[in-house]
Amino acid sequence: DWENHRTDTQYEDALIAKVFLFQFVNSYISLYYIAFLKDNVSIFGVSDECVPNCIQELQTQLASIFITQMVIGQAKEVLIPYLKAKAMMKLEDRKVKKQSGQKVPST
């Protein structure tokens, strides 16, 4: 919010670019590290080696990233709307019971 954009469109475009870049780097930096740096670089004097090889480790990492993103996406698309609908139905039932004079159980 310190960038002082002239229009809301410029602000939104800059925000979209930054969020995309952050998510991309955050998700895939581990793949870059395994593919290009793991066998060749030592960090703080400690060398890291691929076990048993880098291709298999890359495959495992890529599968875990995609499966995690798929599960989170499904939860957002299915589970959250389902829970919202259940909550709305519960609130509506309480409202109807309250209007009809029935005792509403406390939760």
Protein backbone atom coordinates (compact mmCIF):
# COMPACT_ATOMS: atom_id res chain seq x y z
CA ASP A 1 0.00 0.00 0.00
CA TRP A 2 3.02 2.32 0.00
CA GLU A 3 3.41 2.35 -3.78
CA ASN A 4 0.91 5.16 -4.41
CA HIS A 5 -0.72 3.90 -7.61
CA ARG A 6 -2.74 6.41 -9.60
CA THR A 7 -5.72 4.13 -10.22
CA ASP A 8 -7.30 1.08 -8.63
CA THR A 9 -6.58 -0.86 -11.82
CA GLN A 10 -2.84 -0.17 -11.53
CA TYR A 11 -2.94 -1.18 -7.87
CA GLU A 12 -4.78 -4.43 -8.65
CA ASP A 13 -2.44 -5.25 -11.56
CA ALA A 14 0.63 -4.75 -9.36
CA LEU A 15 -0.94 -6.81 -6.57
CA ILE A 16 -1.78 -9.67 -8.95
CA ALA A 17 1.77 -9.70 -10.32
CA LYS A 18 3.31 -9.74 -6.83
CA VAL A 19 0.99 -12.47 -5.53
CA PHE A 20 1.63 -14.61 -8.61
CA LEU A 21 5.40 -14.18 -8.34
CA PHE A 22 5.41 -14.97 -4.61
CA GLN A 23 3.25 -18.08 -4.99
CA PHE A 24 5.30 -19.32 -7.96
CA VAL A 25 8.64 -18.90 -6.17
CA ASN A 26 7.26 -20.27 -2.91
CA SER A 27 5.88 -23.38 -4.61
CA TYR A 28 8.67 -24.23 -7.01
CA ILE A 29 11.93 -23.04 -5.41
CA SER A 30 12.37 -26.48 -3.86
CA LEU A 31 12.30 -28.06 -7.32
CA TYR A 32 14.96 -25.63 -8.56
CA TYR A 33 17.11 -26.37 -5.51
CA ILE A 34 16.87 -30.14 -5.94
CA ALA A 35 17.47 -30.03 -9.70
CA PHE A 36 20.37 -27.60 -9.86
CA LEU A 37 21.91 -26.90 -6.47
CA LYS A 38 21.52 -29.84 -4.10
CA ASP A 39 24.48 -31.93 -5.29
CA ASN A 40 26.71 -28.95 -6.13
CA VAL A 41 26.40 -26.50 -3.24
CA SER A 42 27.28 -26.71 0.43
CA ILE A 43 25.37 -24.47 2.80
CA PHE A 44 27.15 -23.46 6.03
CA GLY A 45 29.76 -26.11 5.29
CA VAL A 46 27.20 -28.90 5.04
CA SER A 47 26.83 -30.58 1.68
CA ASP A 48 23.50 -32.08 0.73
CA GLU A 49 23.18 -35.10 -1.54
CA CYS A 50 20.23 -36.57 -3.38
CA VAL A 51 19.13 -39.94 -2.03
CA PRO A 52 19.06 -42.20 -4.11
CA ASN A 53 19.20 -39.75 -7.03
CA CYS A 54 17.97 -36.25 -7.85
CA ILE A 55 15.45 -37.32 -10.50
CA GLN A 56 13.59 -39.56 -8.07
CA GLU A 57 13.65 -36.84 -5.41
CA LEU A 58 12.34 -34.32 -7.95
CA GLN A 59 9.55 -36.70 -8.91
CA THR A 60 8.54 -37.14 -5.28
CA GLN A 61 8.64 -33.40 -4.59
CA LEU A 62 6.63 -32.55 -7.70
CA ALA A 63 4.00 -35.18 -6.90
CA SER A 64 3.64 -33.89 -3.34
CA ILE A 65 3.25 -30.29 -4.55
CA PHE A 66 0.58 -31.18 -7.11
CA ILE A 67 -1.35 -33.50 -4.77
CA THR A 68 -1.32 -30.90 -2.00
CA GLN A 69 -2.56 -28.17 -4.36
CA MET A 70 -5.26 -30.48 -5.70
CA VAL A 71 -6.53 -31.39 -2.22
CA ILE A 72 -6.56 -27.74 -1.12
CA GLY A 73 -8.39 -26.73 -4.31
CA GLN A 74 -11.01 -29.43 -3.84
CA ALA A 75 -11.54 -28.39 -0.22
CA LYS A 76 -12.04 -24.79 -1.31
CA GLU A 77 -14.50 -25.76 -4.04
CA VAL A 78 -16.50 -28.42 -2.21
CA LEU A 79 -15.98 -28.46 1.54
CA ILE A 80 -16.18 -24.74 2.32
CA PRO A 81 -19.44 -24.13 0.37
CA TYR A 82 -20.94 -27.26 1.99
CA LEU A 83 -20.07 -26.03 5.48
CA LYS A 84 -21.42 -22.57 4.69
CA ALA A 85 -24.70 -24.05 3.45
CA LYS A 86 -25.03 -26.18 6.59
CA ALA A 87 -24.40 -23.14 8.80
CA MET A 88 -26.98 -21.08 6.89
CA MET A 89 -29.56 -23.88 7.23
CA LYS A 90 -28.90 -24.08 10.96
CA LEU A 91 -29.29 -20.32 11.33
CA GLU A 92 -32.51 -20.39 9.30
CA ASP A 93 -33.91 -23.22 11.46
CA ARG A 94 -33.15 -21.22 14.62
CA LYS A 95 -34.80 -18.15 13.14
CA VAL A 96 -37.95 -20.10 12.21
CA LYS A 97 -38.13 -21.75 15.64
CA LYS A 98 -37.64 -18.41 17.35
CA GLN A 99 -40.41 -16.79 15.29
CA SER A 100 -42.81 -19.66 15.95
CA GLY A 101 -42.19 -19.42 19.70
CA GLN A 102 -40.43 -22.76 20.09
CA LYS A 103 -37.54 -22.99 22.50
CA VAL A 104 -34.20 -22.73 20.69
CA PRO A 105 -31.51 -25.00 22.15
CA SER A 106 -28.28 -23.19 23.00
CA THR A 107 -25.05 -24.47 21.49
